[in-house]
């Protein structure tokens, strides 16, 4: 796993940043995932400049897919569509690799949970 980072500055202060996780676990299918993205909402130009960096990073790479999950109607949805991202996923699927420290009792507990009450955070082996 590798990360690419970009930062925007205004008056010597950071006004925005983007972090991309690069997953090369499968050498035939490199995946980029926006791990973190934030900018001063009062400076939309900063947001557009950062998404342009994301676009160039992806186009210059050997990646097959680029994931960026955004809540519907969030201001960043417009930024993503500006560079051609598609709303291609209506349901997020959770998966994990067995043998990574998860015990069978945890699986039983997870199976009993109400999905909207489970927080799932991507880790070292991001997949969508």
Protein backbone atom coordinates (compact mmCIF):
# COMPACT_ATOMS: atom_id res chain seq x y z
CA UNK A 1 0.00 0.00 0.00
CA UNK A 2 1.32 3.39 -0.97
CA UNK A 3 -0.15 6.84 -0.55
CA UNK A 4 0.02 9.87 -2.79
CA UNK A 5 -0.59 13.26 -1.23
CA UNK A 6 -1.34 16.76 -2.45
CA UNK A 7 -1.81 19.99 -0.50
CA UNK A 8 -3.10 23.41 -1.47
CA UNK A 9 -1.75 26.52 0.23
CA UNK A 10 -3.15 30.01 0.58
CA UNK A 11 -1.23 32.73 2.39
CA UNK A 12 1.26 30.11 3.67
CA UNK A 13 -1.60 28.14 5.30
CA UNK A 14 -2.87 24.76 4.12
CA UNK A 15 -6.29 25.37 2.59
CA UNK A 16 -6.91 21.82 1.39
CA UNK A 17 -5.42 18.38 0.96
CA UNK A 18 -6.03 15.05 -0.73
CA UNK A 19 -4.66 11.61 0.13
CA UNK A 20 -4.88 8.69 -2.28
CA UNK A 21 -4.31 5.10 -1.16
CA UNK A 22 -2.74 3.00 -3.90
CA UNK A 23 -3.50 -0.71 -3.61
CA UNK A 24 -1.23 -3.01 -5.63
CA UNK A 25 -2.13 -6.21 -3.79
CA UNK A 26 -3.27 -7.66 -7.13
CA UNK A 27 -0.56 -6.69 -9.67
CA UNK A 28 -3.07 -7.01 -12.51
CA UNK A 29 -5.56 -4.62 -10.90
CA UNK A 30 -4.10 -1.51 -9.26
CA UNK A 31 -6.76 0.44 -7.38
CA UNK A 32 -6.71 4.05 -6.25
CA UNK A 33 -8.97 5.12 -3.39
CA UNK A 34 -9.41 8.66 -2.09
CA UNK A 35 -8.59 8.07 1.56
CA UNK A 36 -9.01 11.68 2.68
CA UNK A 37 -10.00 14.91 0.97
CA UNK A 38 -10.72 18.25 2.57
CA UNK A 39 -10.57 21.89 1.59
CA UNK A 40 -11.80 25.31 2.70
CA UNK A 41 -15.43 25.28 1.55
CA UNK A 42 -15.21 29.05 1.08
CA UNK A 43 -12.60 28.52 -1.65
CA UNK A 44 -14.15 26.30 -4.34
CA UNK A 45 -11.16 26.95 -6.60
CA UNK A 46 -9.05 25.03 -4.08
CA UNK A 47 -11.38 22.05 -4.32
CA UNK A 48 -11.32 22.09 -8.12
CA UNK A 49 -7.50 22.38 -8.14
CA UNK A 50 -7.21 19.36 -5.84
CA UNK A 51 -9.56 17.19 -7.92
CA UNK A 52 -7.50 18.13 -10.95
CA UNK A 53 -4.44 16.75 -9.14
CA UNK A 54 -6.41 13.54 -8.44
CA UNK A 55 -7.40 13.28 -12.11
CA UNK A 56 -3.83 13.74 -13.33
CA UNK A 57 -2.47 11.27 -10.77
CA UNK A 58 -4.93 8.63 -11.98
CA UNK A 59 -4.38 9.30 -15.69
CA UNK A 60 -0.60 9.14 -15.27
CA UNK A 61 -0.78 5.88 -13.32
CA UNK A 62 -1.21 2.22 -14.17
CA UNK A 63 -4.38 2.02 -12.05
CA UNK A 64 -7.48 0.28 -13.41
CA UNK A 65 -9.98 1.76 -10.97
CA UNK A 66 -10.33 4.88 -8.88
CA UNK A 67 -12.73 4.89 -5.92
CA UNK A 68 -14.07 7.95 -4.14
CA UNK A 69 -17.03 7.45 -1.85
CA UNK A 70 -19.07 10.57 -1.22
CA UNK A 71 -22.34 10.94 0.61
CA UNK A 72 -25.20 11.83 -1.71
CA UNK A 73 -25.79 15.60 -2.06
CA UNK A 74 -22.48 16.42 -0.37
CA UNK A 75 -20.71 19.48 -1.89
CA UNK A 76 -17.84 17.25 -3.01
CA UNK A 77 -20.24 15.32 -5.24
CA UNK A 78 -20.10 18.26 -7.68
CA UNK A 79 -16.30 18.24 -7.62
CA UNK A 80 -16.21 14.53 -8.41
CA UNK A 81 -18.68 14.81 -11.28
CA UNK A 82 -16.66 17.77 -12.63
CA UNK A 83 -13.78 15.41 -13.47
CA UNK A 84 -16.01 12.60 -14.71
CA UNK A 85 -16.57 10.39 -11.68
CA UNK A 86 -19.75 8.35 -11.97
CA UNK A 87 -22.20 7.46 -9.24
CA UNK A 88 -21.80 3.79 -10.04
CA UNK A 89 -22.40 2.21 -6.66
CA UNK A 90 -25.74 2.27 -4.94
CA UNK A 91 -24.85 -0.23 -2.22
CA UNK A 92 -21.48 -0.59 -0.49
CA UNK A 93 -20.41 -4.16 0.10
CA UNK A 94 -18.23 -5.04 3.06
CA UNK A 95 -15.71 -7.84 2.86
CA UNK A 96 -12.72 -9.02 4.84
CA UNK A 97 -10.00 -11.63 4.58
CA UNK A 98 -10.29 -14.51 7.04
CA UNK A 99 -7.28 -15.14 9.20
CA UNK A 100 -6.57 -11.46 9.80
CA UNK A 101 -7.31 -11.67 13.52
CA UNK A 102 -11.10 -11.81 13.27
CA UNK A 103 -12.47 -14.52 15.55
CA UNK A 104 -15.56 -16.61 14.78
CA UNK A 105 -17.32 -15.04 17.80
CA UNK A 106 -16.80 -11.62 16.16
CA UNK A 107 -18.40 -12.95 12.97
CA UNK A 108 -21.46 -14.07 14.91
CA UNK A 109 -21.72 -10.67 16.61
CA UNK A 110 -21.30 -8.86 13.28
CA UNK A 111 -24.05 -11.03 11.77
CA UNK A 112 -26.47 -9.87 14.48
CA UNK A 113 -25.78 -6.16 14.02
CA UNK A 114 -28.12 -3.70 12.37
CA UNK A 115 -26.24 -2.58 9.22
CA UNK A 116 -26.86 1.16 9.75
CA UNK A 117 -25.24 0.85 13.20
CA UNK A 118 -21.99 -0.68 11.93
CA UNK A 119 -19.07 1.57 11.10
CA UNK A 120 -16.77 0.10 8.50
CA UNK A 121 -13.47 1.81 7.86
CA UNK A 122 -11.13 0.80 5.08
CA UNK A 123 -7.80 -0.46 6.29
CA UNK A 124 -4.53 -1.63 4.78
CA UNK A 125 -6.19 -3.75 2.11
CA UNK A 126 -8.83 -1.45 0.70
CA UNK A 127 -11.35 -3.00 -1.60
CA UNK A 128 -14.74 -1.94 -2.80
